[in-house]
């Protein structure tokens, strides 16, 4: 795994498309029981080199019901984005993750994590990639159908502060999904 992570961190496949340079950000260990597959690092995470080191990460840890020590333990939790590098800003926020990363690196990473019990799919890019034809008409309906994907996957919206409107429009998420998520996390990784 150490060799694979070093290869990912040395990757320059999409360097020409990254306005802020190459800086792959991830966390993985062979004993991980939970994989969190997000979108791509934001600017703050790009600068720090620490996955989920921002307001979205704070919200995600709150949803999970865990502290930073557990969250950043690679023997418990793997943090694997769809795109490992910050893609830059677009008109409506950060650009989508680069499409090269997941097909190039996810299969090898997942093959090395044989103890995984649950994969959280955060946001539409992870859900589209992993759920393929089983995805619903939109993110809201995919998350609402979360029980269909258990025990292997649990789709979640992105925990970004930008999603406050989605959360206020969908109060069922915090009432129904978060307790299930916290119960699974407590059983599997705490």
N, C-alpha and C. Protein backbone atom coordinates (compact mmCIF):
# COMPACT_ATOMS: atom_id res chain seq x y z
N UNK A 1 0.82 -1.20 0.00
CA UNK A 1 0.00 0.00 0.00
C UNK A 1 0.87 1.26 0.00
N UNK A 2 1.96 1.25 0.77
CA UNK A 2 2.83 2.42 0.81
C UNK A 2 3.38 2.75 -0.57
N UNK A 3 3.74 1.72 -1.30
CA UNK A 3 4.27 1.92 -2.66
C UNK A 3 3.19 2.51 -3.57
N UNK A 4 1.98 1.99 -3.47
CA UNK A 4 0.87 2.48 -4.28
C UNK A 4 0.56 3.94 -3.96
N UNK A 5 0.52 4.28 -2.68
CA UNK A 5 0.25 5.67 -2.30
C UNK A 5 1.36 6.58 -2.81
N UNK A 6 2.60 6.13 -2.75
CA UNK A 6 3.71 6.92 -3.28
C UNK A 6 3.55 7.13 -4.79
N UNK A 7 3.11 6.11 -5.50
CA UNK A 7 2.88 6.23 -6.94
C UNK A 7 1.77 7.25 -7.22
N UNK A 8 0.70 7.19 -6.43
CA UNK A 8 -0.41 8.15 -6.61
C UNK A 8 0.09 9.56 -6.33
N UNK A 9 0.85 9.73 -5.26
CA UNK A 9 1.34 11.06 -4.90
C UNK A 9 2.35 11.60 -5.91
N UNK A 10 2.94 10.73 -6.71
CA UNK A 10 3.88 11.16 -7.75
C UNK A 10 3.21 11.30 -9.12
N UNK A 11 1.93 11.01 -9.19
CA UNK A 11 1.21 11.02 -10.46
C UNK A 11 1.14 12.44 -11.05
N UNK A 12 1.36 12.53 -12.35
CA UNK A 12 1.24 13.81 -13.07
C UNK A 12 0.35 13.66 -14.30
N UNK A 13 -0.48 12.64 -14.33
CA UNK A 13 -1.30 12.34 -15.51
C UNK A 13 -2.09 13.56 -16.01
N UNK A 14 -2.69 14.30 -15.11
CA UNK A 14 -3.53 15.42 -15.56
C UNK A 14 -2.94 16.78 -15.17
N UNK A 15 -1.62 16.85 -15.02
CA UNK A 15 -0.95 18.09 -14.60
C UNK A 15 -1.30 19.27 -15.51
N UNK A 16 -1.44 19.03 -16.78
CA UNK A 16 -1.74 20.12 -17.73
C UNK A 16 -3.10 20.75 -17.49
N UNK A 17 -3.97 20.05 -16.75
CA UNK A 17 -5.34 20.53 -16.51
C UNK A 17 -5.52 21.11 -15.10
N UNK A 18 -4.46 21.19 -14.33
CA UNK A 18 -4.56 21.63 -12.93
C UNK A 18 -3.91 23.00 -12.76
N UNK A 19 -4.71 24.05 -12.70
CA UNK A 19 -4.14 25.40 -12.64
C UNK A 19 -3.33 25.69 -11.38
N UNK A 20 -3.54 24.92 -10.32
CA UNK A 20 -2.80 25.15 -9.07
C UNK A 20 -1.73 24.09 -8.83
N UNK A 21 -1.48 23.28 -9.82
CA UNK A 21 -0.44 22.28 -9.72
C UNK A 21 -0.93 20.94 -9.20
N UNK A 22 -0.04 19.97 -9.24
CA UNK A 22 -0.33 18.61 -8.83
C UNK A 22 -0.06 18.47 -7.33
N UNK A 23 -1.05 17.99 -6.61
CA UNK A 23 -0.87 17.65 -5.19
C UNK A 23 -1.94 16.63 -4.81
N UNK A 24 -1.72 15.36 -5.15
CA UNK A 24 -2.70 14.33 -4.79
C UNK A 24 -2.87 14.24 -3.27
N UNK A 25 -4.13 14.21 -2.83
CA UNK A 25 -4.46 14.15 -1.41
C UNK A 25 -5.35 12.93 -1.16
N UNK A 26 -4.90 12.03 -0.29
CA UNK A 26 -5.67 10.85 0.06
C UNK A 26 -5.14 10.25 1.35
N UNK A 27 -5.89 9.30 1.86
CA UNK A 27 -5.47 8.52 3.03
C UNK A 27 -5.99 7.11 2.81
N UNK A 28 -5.13 6.12 2.97
CA UNK A 28 -5.57 4.73 2.80
C UNK A 28 -4.66 3.80 3.57
N UNK A 29 -5.25 2.73 4.05
CA UNK A 29 -4.49 1.69 4.75
C UNK A 29 -5.11 0.33 4.48
N UNK A 30 -4.32 -0.70 4.54
CA UNK A 30 -4.81 -2.04 4.22
C UNK A 30 -5.84 -2.56 5.21
N UNK A 31 -5.88 -1.99 6.42
CA UNK A 31 -6.83 -2.46 7.43
C UNK A 31 -8.11 -1.63 7.49
N UNK A 32 -8.24 -0.64 6.63
CA UNK A 32 -9.41 0.26 6.67
C UNK A 32 -10.71 -0.52 6.58
N UNK A 33 -11.67 -0.13 7.41
CA UNK A 33 -12.99 -0.77 7.41
C UNK A 33 -14.03 0.10 6.72
N UNK A 34 -13.74 1.39 6.59
CA UNK A 34 -14.65 2.34 5.98
C UNK A 34 -13.89 3.13 4.94
N UNK A 35 -14.46 3.24 3.74
CA UNK A 35 -13.88 4.08 2.70
C UNK A 35 -14.85 5.24 2.47
N UNK A 36 -14.31 6.43 2.46
CA UNK A 36 -15.10 7.61 2.13
C UNK A 36 -14.61 8.10 0.78
N UNK A 37 -15.48 8.00 -0.22
CA UNK A 37 -15.14 8.45 -1.57
C UNK A 37 -15.86 9.76 -1.82
N UNK A 38 -15.08 10.83 -1.88
CA UNK A 38 -15.63 12.16 -2.11
C UNK A 38 -15.38 12.60 -3.53
N UNK A 39 -15.39 13.92 -3.73
CA UNK A 39 -15.25 14.48 -5.07
C UNK A 39 -13.78 14.73 -5.39
N UNK A 40 -13.26 15.88 -4.94
CA UNK A 40 -11.86 16.25 -5.14
C UNK A 40 -11.52 17.25 -4.05
N UNK A 41 -10.25 17.38 -3.72
CA UNK A 41 -9.88 18.35 -2.70
C UNK A 41 -10.26 19.76 -3.12
N UNK A 42 -10.66 20.57 -2.14
CA UNK A 42 -10.86 21.99 -2.39
C UNK A 42 -9.54 22.72 -2.22
N UNK A 43 -9.57 24.03 -2.38
CA UNK A 43 -8.34 24.83 -2.30
C UNK A 43 -7.66 24.71 -0.93
N UNK A 44 -8.44 24.76 0.15
CA UNK A 44 -7.85 24.68 1.49
C UNK A 44 -7.16 23.33 1.70
N UNK A 45 -7.79 22.25 1.24
CA UNK A 45 -7.20 20.91 1.37
C UNK A 45 -5.96 20.80 0.48
N UNK A 46 -6.02 21.39 -0.71
CA UNK A 46 -4.86 21.41 -1.60
C UNK A 46 -3.67 22.08 -0.88
N UNK A 47 -3.95 23.19 -0.20
CA UNK A 47 -2.88 23.92 0.48
C UNK A 47 -2.32 23.14 1.67
N UNK A 48 -3.21 22.48 2.44
CA UNK A 48 -2.74 21.76 3.65
C UNK A 48 -2.22 20.36 3.33
N UNK A 49 -2.76 19.73 2.28
CA UNK A 49 -2.39 18.35 1.97
C UNK A 49 -3.07 17.33 2.87
N UNK A 50 -4.06 17.79 3.66
CA UNK A 50 -4.78 16.90 4.59
C UNK A 50 -6.21 16.73 4.08
N UNK A 51 -6.64 15.49 3.81
CA UNK A 51 -8.00 15.28 3.29
C UNK A 51 -9.08 15.82 4.24
N UNK A 52 -10.08 16.43 3.67
CA UNK A 52 -11.24 16.90 4.43
C UNK A 52 -10.84 17.88 5.54
N UNK A 53 -9.80 18.65 5.32
CA UNK A 53 -9.31 19.64 6.29
C UNK A 53 -9.97 20.99 6.03
N UNK A 54 -11.30 21.01 6.15
CA UNK A 54 -12.05 22.23 5.86
C UNK A 54 -13.43 22.12 6.50
N UNK A 55 -14.29 23.09 6.22
CA UNK A 55 -15.64 23.09 6.80
C UNK A 55 -16.43 21.85 6.39
N UNK A 56 -16.24 21.38 5.17
CA UNK A 56 -16.93 20.15 4.73
C UNK A 56 -16.50 18.96 5.58
N UNK A 57 -15.22 18.88 5.88
CA UNK A 57 -14.72 17.81 6.73
C UNK A 57 -15.28 17.87 8.14
N UNK A 58 -15.41 19.09 8.66
CA UNK A 58 -16.00 19.24 9.99
C UNK A 58 -17.43 18.73 10.01
N UNK A 59 -18.20 19.07 8.96
CA UNK A 59 -19.58 18.60 8.88
C UNK A 59 -19.64 17.09 8.70
N UNK A 60 -18.75 16.55 7.87
CA UNK A 60 -18.73 15.11 7.64
C UNK A 60 -18.44 14.35 8.94
N UNK A 61 -17.46 14.82 9.71
CA UNK A 61 -17.15 14.17 10.98
C UNK A 61 -18.33 14.26 11.94
N UNK A 62 -19.05 15.36 11.91
CA UNK A 62 -20.26 15.50 12.74
C UNK A 62 -21.30 14.47 12.30
N UNK A 63 -21.51 14.32 10.99
CA UNK A 63 -22.46 13.32 10.49
C UNK A 63 -22.04 11.92 10.95
N UNK A 64 -20.74 11.64 10.87
CA UNK A 64 -20.24 10.31 11.25
C UNK A 64 -20.28 10.08 12.75
N UNK A 65 -20.25 11.16 13.53
CA UNK A 65 -20.23 11.05 14.98
C UNK A 65 -18.87 10.63 15.51
N UNK A 66 -17.79 11.05 14.83
CA UNK A 66 -16.44 10.68 15.25
C UNK A 66 -15.54 11.91 15.34
N UNK A 67 -14.41 11.74 16.04
CA UNK A 67 -13.46 12.83 16.17
C UNK A 67 -12.36 12.72 15.12
N UNK A 68 -11.50 13.72 15.09
CA UNK A 68 -10.42 13.76 14.10
C UNK A 68 -9.44 12.61 14.25
N UNK A 69 -9.17 12.20 15.49
CA UNK A 69 -8.21 11.10 15.69
C UNK A 69 -8.65 9.83 14.99
N UNK A 70 -9.91 9.48 15.13
CA UNK A 70 -10.42 8.29 14.46
C UNK A 70 -10.52 8.51 12.96
N UNK A 71 -11.00 9.68 12.57
CA UNK A 71 -11.17 10.01 11.15
C UNK A 71 -9.85 9.92 10.38
N UNK A 72 -8.78 10.38 11.01
CA UNK A 72 -7.48 10.40 10.33
C UNK A 72 -6.61 9.18 10.65
N UNK A 73 -7.23 8.09 11.05
CA UNK A 73 -6.50 6.83 11.27
C UNK A 73 -6.67 5.96 10.02
N UNK A 74 -5.63 5.84 9.19
CA UNK A 74 -5.75 5.07 7.94
C UNK A 74 -5.99 3.58 8.14
N UNK A 75 -5.77 3.09 9.37
CA UNK A 75 -6.08 1.69 9.65
C UNK A 75 -7.56 1.48 9.91
N UNK A 76 -8.31 2.58 9.96
CA UNK A 76 -9.74 2.52 10.20
C UNK A 76 -10.53 3.09 9.02
N UNK A 77 -10.10 4.27 8.55
CA UNK A 77 -10.84 4.98 7.50
C UNK A 77 -9.92 5.35 6.35
N UNK A 78 -10.36 5.05 5.14
CA UNK A 78 -9.67 5.48 3.92
C UNK A 78 -10.42 6.67 3.35
N UNK A 79 -9.68 7.68 2.93
CA UNK A 79 -10.25 8.89 2.36
C UNK A 79 -9.75 8.98 0.92
N UNK A 80 -10.62 8.62 0.00
CA UNK A 80 -10.24 8.45 -1.40
C UNK A 80 -11.16 9.29 -2.28
N UNK A 81 -10.68 10.41 -2.81
CA UNK A 81 -11.54 11.21 -3.68
C UNK A 81 -11.62 10.64 -5.10
N UNK A 82 -12.60 11.09 -5.83
CA UNK A 82 -12.72 10.71 -7.24
C UNK A 82 -11.58 11.31 -8.05
N UNK A 83 -11.17 12.50 -7.69
CA UNK A 83 -10.01 13.17 -8.28
C UNK A 83 -9.09 13.55 -7.13
N UNK A 84 -7.83 13.17 -7.19
CA UNK A 84 -6.93 13.36 -6.06
C UNK A 84 -6.38 14.78 -5.92
N UNK A 85 -6.46 15.57 -6.98
CA UNK A 85 -5.91 16.92 -6.95
C UNK A 85 -7.02 17.96 -7.07
N UNK A 86 -6.75 19.15 -6.55
CA UNK A 86 -7.68 20.27 -6.65
C UNK A 86 -7.83 20.66 -8.12
N UNK A 87 -9.06 20.60 -8.66
CA UNK A 87 -9.26 20.88 -10.08
C UNK A 87 -9.34 22.37 -10.43
N UNK A 88 -9.44 23.24 -9.44
CA UNK A 88 -9.58 24.66 -9.70
C UNK A 88 -11.02 25.11 -9.59
N UNK A 89 -11.22 26.40 -9.75
CA UNK A 89 -12.56 27.01 -9.63
C UNK A 89 -13.23 27.11 -10.99
N UNK A 90 -14.56 26.96 -10.95
CA UNK A 90 -15.39 27.19 -12.12
C UNK A 90 -16.38 28.29 -11.79
N UNK A 91 -17.34 28.50 -12.66
CA UNK A 91 -18.33 29.57 -12.47
C UNK A 91 -19.19 29.35 -11.23
N UNK A 92 -19.54 28.09 -10.93
CA UNK A 92 -20.43 27.80 -9.81
C UNK A 92 -19.75 27.15 -8.62
N UNK A 93 -18.45 27.31 -8.48
CA UNK A 93 -17.71 26.65 -7.40
C UNK A 93 -16.54 25.89 -7.97
N UNK A 94 -16.07 24.88 -7.22
CA UNK A 94 -14.94 24.09 -7.71
C UNK A 94 -15.34 23.30 -8.94
N UNK A 95 -14.38 23.11 -9.83
CA UNK A 95 -14.61 22.29 -11.03
C UNK A 95 -14.81 20.83 -10.62
N UNK A 96 -15.38 20.02 -11.50
CA UNK A 96 -15.54 18.59 -11.20
C UNK A 96 -14.18 17.91 -11.06
N UNK A 97 -14.15 16.77 -10.37
CA UNK A 97 -12.88 16.03 -10.27
C UNK A 97 -12.41 15.61 -11.66
N UNK A 98 -11.12 15.56 -11.84
CA UNK A 98 -10.57 15.11 -13.12
C UNK A 98 -11.02 13.65 -13.36
N UNK A 99 -11.44 13.34 -14.57
CA UNK A 99 -11.97 12.00 -14.84
C UNK A 99 -10.91 10.90 -14.92
N UNK A 100 -9.65 11.26 -14.96
CA UNK A 100 -8.59 10.25 -15.10
C UNK A 100 -8.31 9.48 -13.82
N UNK A 101 -8.48 10.13 -12.67
CA UNK A 101 -8.02 9.55 -11.39
C UNK A 101 -8.70 8.25 -10.99
N UNK A 102 -10.01 8.28 -10.88
CA UNK A 102 -10.72 7.09 -10.37
C UNK A 102 -10.42 5.85 -11.21
N UNK A 103 -10.55 5.89 -12.54
CA UNK A 103 -10.25 4.67 -13.30
C UNK A 103 -8.79 4.24 -13.19
N UNK A 104 -7.89 5.19 -13.05
CA UNK A 104 -6.47 4.86 -13.00
C UNK A 104 -6.05 4.28 -11.65
N UNK A 105 -6.62 4.78 -10.53
CA UNK A 105 -6.10 4.42 -9.21
C UNK A 105 -7.06 3.67 -8.29
N UNK A 106 -8.36 3.88 -8.42
CA UNK A 106 -9.29 3.24 -7.48
C UNK A 106 -9.21 1.71 -7.48
N UNK A 107 -9.17 1.04 -8.63
CA UNK A 107 -9.12 -0.43 -8.58
C UNK A 107 -7.96 -0.97 -7.75
N UNK A 108 -6.78 -0.39 -7.91
CA UNK A 108 -5.62 -0.86 -7.14
C UNK A 108 -5.78 -0.57 -5.66
N UNK A 109 -6.29 0.61 -5.33
CA UNK A 109 -6.51 0.94 -3.92
C UNK A 109 -7.50 -0.02 -3.28
N UNK A 110 -8.64 -0.21 -3.93
CA UNK A 110 -9.68 -1.07 -3.37
C UNK A 110 -9.21 -2.51 -3.22
N UNK A 111 -8.41 -2.97 -4.16
CA UNK A 111 -7.88 -4.33 -4.12
C UNK A 111 -7.00 -4.55 -2.88
N UNK A 112 -6.38 -3.48 -2.41
CA UNK A 112 -5.49 -3.57 -1.25
C UNK A 112 -6.21 -3.36 0.08
N UNK A 113 -7.51 -3.08 0.03
CA UNK A 113 -8.28 -2.85 1.26
C UNK A 113 -9.36 -3.92 1.36
N UNK A 114 -8.98 -5.07 1.86
CA UNK A 114 -9.86 -6.24 1.89
C UNK A 114 -10.78 -6.29 3.10
N UNK A 115 -10.60 -5.41 4.08
CA UNK A 115 -11.42 -5.44 5.29
C UNK A 115 -12.55 -4.42 5.28
N UNK A 116 -12.72 -3.74 4.16
CA UNK A 116 -13.75 -2.70 4.06
C UNK A 116 -15.14 -3.29 4.25
N UNK A 117 -15.91 -2.64 5.10
CA UNK A 117 -17.27 -3.08 5.37
C UNK A 117 -18.32 -2.14 4.78
N UNK A 118 -17.93 -0.88 4.55
CA UNK A 118 -18.86 0.10 4.00
C UNK A 118 -18.08 1.15 3.22
N UNK A 119 -18.66 1.58 2.10
CA UNK A 119 -18.12 2.67 1.31
C UNK A 119 -19.14 3.79 1.26
N UNK A 120 -18.76 4.96 1.75
CA UNK A 120 -19.63 6.13 1.66
C UNK A 120 -19.36 6.81 0.33
N UNK A 121 -20.41 7.04 -0.43
CA UNK A 121 -20.30 7.70 -1.73
C UNK A 121 -20.82 9.12 -1.58
N UNK A 122 -19.91 10.07 -1.52
CA UNK A 122 -20.28 11.45 -1.24
C UNK A 122 -20.36 12.24 -2.53
N UNK A 123 -21.58 12.67 -2.85
CA UNK A 123 -21.80 13.49 -4.04
C UNK A 123 -22.05 12.68 -5.29
N UNK A 124 -22.49 13.40 -6.30
CA UNK A 124 -22.94 12.76 -7.54
C UNK A 124 -21.84 12.05 -8.31
N UNK A 125 -20.61 12.54 -8.28
CA UNK A 125 -19.55 11.91 -9.08
C UNK A 125 -19.23 10.51 -8.56
N UNK A 126 -19.10 10.37 -7.25
CA UNK A 126 -18.84 9.05 -6.66
C UNK A 126 -20.03 8.13 -6.88
N UNK A 127 -21.23 8.65 -6.72
CA UNK A 127 -22.43 7.84 -6.88
C UNK A 127 -22.59 7.37 -8.32
N UNK A 128 -22.36 8.24 -9.27
CA UNK A 128 -22.46 7.85 -10.68
C UNK A 128 -21.43 6.78 -11.03
N UNK A 129 -20.22 6.94 -10.52
CA UNK A 129 -19.14 6.01 -10.84
C UNK A 129 -19.38 4.62 -10.25
N UNK A 130 -19.82 4.58 -9.00
CA UNK A 130 -19.93 3.29 -8.31
C UNK A 130 -21.31 2.64 -8.41
N UNK A 131 -22.35 3.43 -8.49
CA UNK A 131 -23.70 2.85 -8.55
C UNK A 131 -24.14 2.59 -9.98
N UNK A 132 -23.49 3.23 -10.92
CA UNK A 132 -23.75 3.06 -12.36
C UNK A 132 -25.24 3.06 -12.70
N UNK A 133 -25.76 1.97 -13.22
CA UNK A 133 -27.16 1.90 -13.65
C UNK A 133 -28.15 1.87 -12.48
N UNK A 134 -27.67 1.68 -11.27
CA UNK A 134 -28.56 1.64 -10.11
C UNK A 134 -28.80 3.01 -9.49
N UNK A 135 -28.19 4.03 -10.08
CA UNK A 135 -28.39 5.39 -9.57
C UNK A 135 -29.80 5.85 -9.91
N UNK A 136 -30.35 6.69 -9.07
CA UNK A 136 -31.70 7.21 -9.31
C UNK A 136 -31.63 8.45 -10.18
N UNK A 137 -32.78 9.10 -10.39
CA UNK A 137 -32.83 10.23 -11.34
C UNK A 137 -32.02 11.45 -10.90
N UNK A 138 -31.75 11.59 -9.61
CA UNK A 138 -30.91 12.69 -9.13
C UNK A 138 -30.32 12.31 -7.78
N UNK A 139 -29.46 13.16 -7.27
CA UNK A 139 -28.78 12.88 -6.00
C UNK A 139 -29.78 12.71 -4.86
N UNK A 140 -30.79 13.57 -4.81
CA UNK A 140 -31.78 13.49 -3.73
C UNK A 140 -32.44 12.12 -3.70
N UNK A 141 -32.86 11.64 -4.84
CA UNK A 141 -33.54 10.33 -4.90
C UNK A 141 -32.57 9.18 -4.62
N UNK A 142 -31.32 9.34 -5.02
CA UNK A 142 -30.32 8.31 -4.73
C UNK A 142 -30.09 8.22 -3.22
N UNK A 143 -29.94 9.38 -2.57
CA UNK A 143 -29.74 9.39 -1.12
C UNK A 143 -30.99 8.88 -0.41
N UNK A 144 -32.16 9.27 -0.91
CA UNK A 144 -33.42 8.81 -0.29
C UNK A 144 -33.53 7.28 -0.36
N UNK A 145 -32.97 6.68 -1.40
CA UNK A 145 -33.02 5.22 -1.59
C UNK A 145 -31.82 4.52 -0.94
N UNK A 146 -31.20 5.16 0.04
CA UNK A 146 -29.96 4.66 0.64
C UNK A 146 -30.02 3.21 1.09
N UNK A 147 -31.16 2.75 1.57
CA UNK A 147 -31.25 1.37 2.08
C UNK A 147 -31.06 0.34 0.98
N UNK A 148 -31.36 0.71 -0.27
CA UNK A 148 -31.18 -0.21 -1.40
C UNK A 148 -29.70 -0.55 -1.64
N UNK A 149 -28.81 0.33 -1.21
CA UNK A 149 -27.39 0.16 -1.51
C UNK A 149 -26.60 -0.46 -0.36
N UNK A 150 -27.22 -0.50 0.81
CA UNK A 150 -26.57 -1.12 1.96
C UNK A 150 -26.55 -2.63 1.80
N UNK A 151 -25.59 -3.33 2.32
CA UNK A 151 -24.56 -2.91 3.26
C UNK A 151 -23.26 -2.44 2.60
N UNK A 152 -23.16 -2.51 1.26
CA UNK A 152 -21.90 -2.17 0.60
C UNK A 152 -21.67 -0.66 0.51
N UNK A 153 -22.69 0.06 0.08
CA UNK A 153 -22.57 1.50 -0.15
C UNK A 153 -23.61 2.28 0.64
N UNK A 154 -23.27 3.52 0.95
CA UNK A 154 -24.22 4.46 1.52
C UNK A 154 -24.00 5.80 0.82
N UNK A 155 -24.94 6.20 -0.06
CA UNK A 155 -24.79 7.49 -0.75
C UNK A 155 -25.18 8.65 0.15
N UNK A 156 -24.39 9.71 0.09
CA UNK A 156 -24.62 10.91 0.90
C UNK A 156 -24.48 12.15 0.03
N UNK A 157 -25.13 13.24 0.41
CA UNK A 157 -24.86 14.51 -0.27
C UNK A 157 -23.49 15.01 0.18
N UNK A 158 -22.97 15.99 -0.51
CA UNK A 158 -21.70 16.56 -0.07
C UNK A 158 -21.96 17.40 1.18
N UNK A 159 -21.08 17.31 2.18
CA UNK A 159 -21.30 18.05 3.43
C UNK A 159 -20.87 19.52 3.37
N UNK A 160 -20.68 20.04 2.20
CA UNK A 160 -20.25 21.43 2.02
C UNK A 160 -21.25 22.42 2.62
N UNK A 161 -20.75 23.52 3.17
CA UNK A 161 -21.67 24.58 3.62
C UNK A 161 -22.57 25.09 2.49
N UNK A 162 -22.13 24.93 1.26
CA UNK A 162 -22.95 25.34 0.11
C UNK A 162 -24.23 24.51 0.00
N UNK A 163 -24.27 23.36 0.67
CA UNK A 163 -25.44 22.47 0.60
C UNK A 163 -26.45 22.73 1.71
N UNK A 164 -26.32 23.84 2.42
CA UNK A 164 -27.28 24.16 3.48
C UNK A 164 -28.71 24.20 2.94
N UNK A 165 -28.87 24.73 1.73
CA UNK A 165 -30.21 24.81 1.13
C UNK A 165 -30.77 23.40 0.91
N UNK A 166 -29.94 22.49 0.39
CA UNK A 166 -30.39 21.11 0.17
C UNK A 166 -30.80 20.48 1.49
N UNK A 167 -29.99 20.66 2.52
CA UNK A 167 -30.28 20.08 3.83
C UNK A 167 -31.58 20.64 4.41
N UNK A 168 -31.81 21.95 4.25
CA UNK A 168 -33.05 22.53 4.78
C UNK A 168 -34.27 22.07 3.99
N UNK A 169 -34.07 21.78 2.71
CA UNK A 169 -35.16 21.29 1.87
C UNK A 169 -35.46 19.81 2.08
N UNK A 170 -34.51 19.10 2.65
CA UNK A 170 -34.62 17.65 2.82
C UNK A 170 -34.35 17.25 4.27
N UNK A 171 -35.21 17.67 5.19
CA UNK A 171 -34.97 17.38 6.62
C UNK A 171 -34.96 15.89 6.94
N UNK A 172 -35.56 15.07 6.10
CA UNK A 172 -35.56 13.62 6.28
C UNK A 172 -34.13 13.07 6.33
N UNK A 173 -33.20 13.74 5.63
CA UNK A 173 -31.82 13.24 5.59
C UNK A 173 -31.22 13.17 7.00
N UNK A 174 -31.30 14.26 7.74
CA UNK A 174 -30.71 14.25 9.08
C UNK A 174 -31.52 13.41 10.07
N UNK A 175 -32.82 13.27 9.81
CA UNK A 175 -33.66 12.46 10.71
C UNK A 175 -33.52 10.96 10.44
N UNK A 176 -33.40 10.58 9.16
CA UNK A 176 -33.41 9.16 8.79
C UNK A 176 -32.03 8.59 8.49
N UNK A 177 -31.24 9.32 7.70
CA UNK A 177 -29.98 8.75 7.21
C UNK A 177 -28.85 8.89 8.22
N UNK A 178 -28.72 10.05 8.84
CA UNK A 178 -27.62 10.27 9.78
C UNK A 178 -27.64 9.26 10.94
N UNK A 179 -28.79 8.95 11.55
CA UNK A 179 -28.76 7.92 12.61
C UNK A 179 -28.30 6.54 12.10
N UNK A 180 -28.70 6.18 10.88
CA UNK A 180 -28.24 4.91 10.30
C UNK A 180 -26.73 4.96 10.10
N UNK A 181 -26.25 6.06 9.54
CA UNK A 181 -24.82 6.23 9.31
C UNK A 181 -24.04 6.13 10.62
N UNK A 182 -24.48 6.84 11.63
CA UNK A 182 -23.76 6.83 12.91
C UNK A 182 -23.79 5.47 13.58
N UNK A 183 -24.89 4.75 13.42
CA UNK A 183 -24.99 3.40 13.99
C UNK A 183 -24.01 2.46 13.30
N UNK A 184 -23.95 2.52 11.98
CA UNK A 184 -23.01 1.67 11.23
C UNK A 184 -21.58 2.01 11.60
N UNK A 185 -21.27 3.29 11.65
CA UNK A 185 -19.90 3.71 11.98
C UNK A 185 -19.54 3.24 13.39
N UNK A 186 -20.45 3.40 14.32
CA UNK A 186 -20.19 2.97 15.70
C UNK A 186 -19.90 1.48 15.76
N UNK A 187 -20.67 0.68 15.02
CA UNK A 187 -20.48 -0.77 15.02
C UNK A 187 -19.19 -1.19 14.33
N UNK A 188 -18.84 -0.50 13.26
CA UNK A 188 -17.74 -0.98 12.42
C UNK A 188 -16.38 -0.36 12.70
N UNK A 189 -16.35 0.89 13.11
CA UNK A 189 -15.05 1.52 13.20
C UNK A 189 -14.73 2.14 14.57
N UNK A 190 -15.68 2.29 15.42
CA UNK A 190 -15.40 2.94 16.72
C UNK A 190 -14.80 1.96 17.71
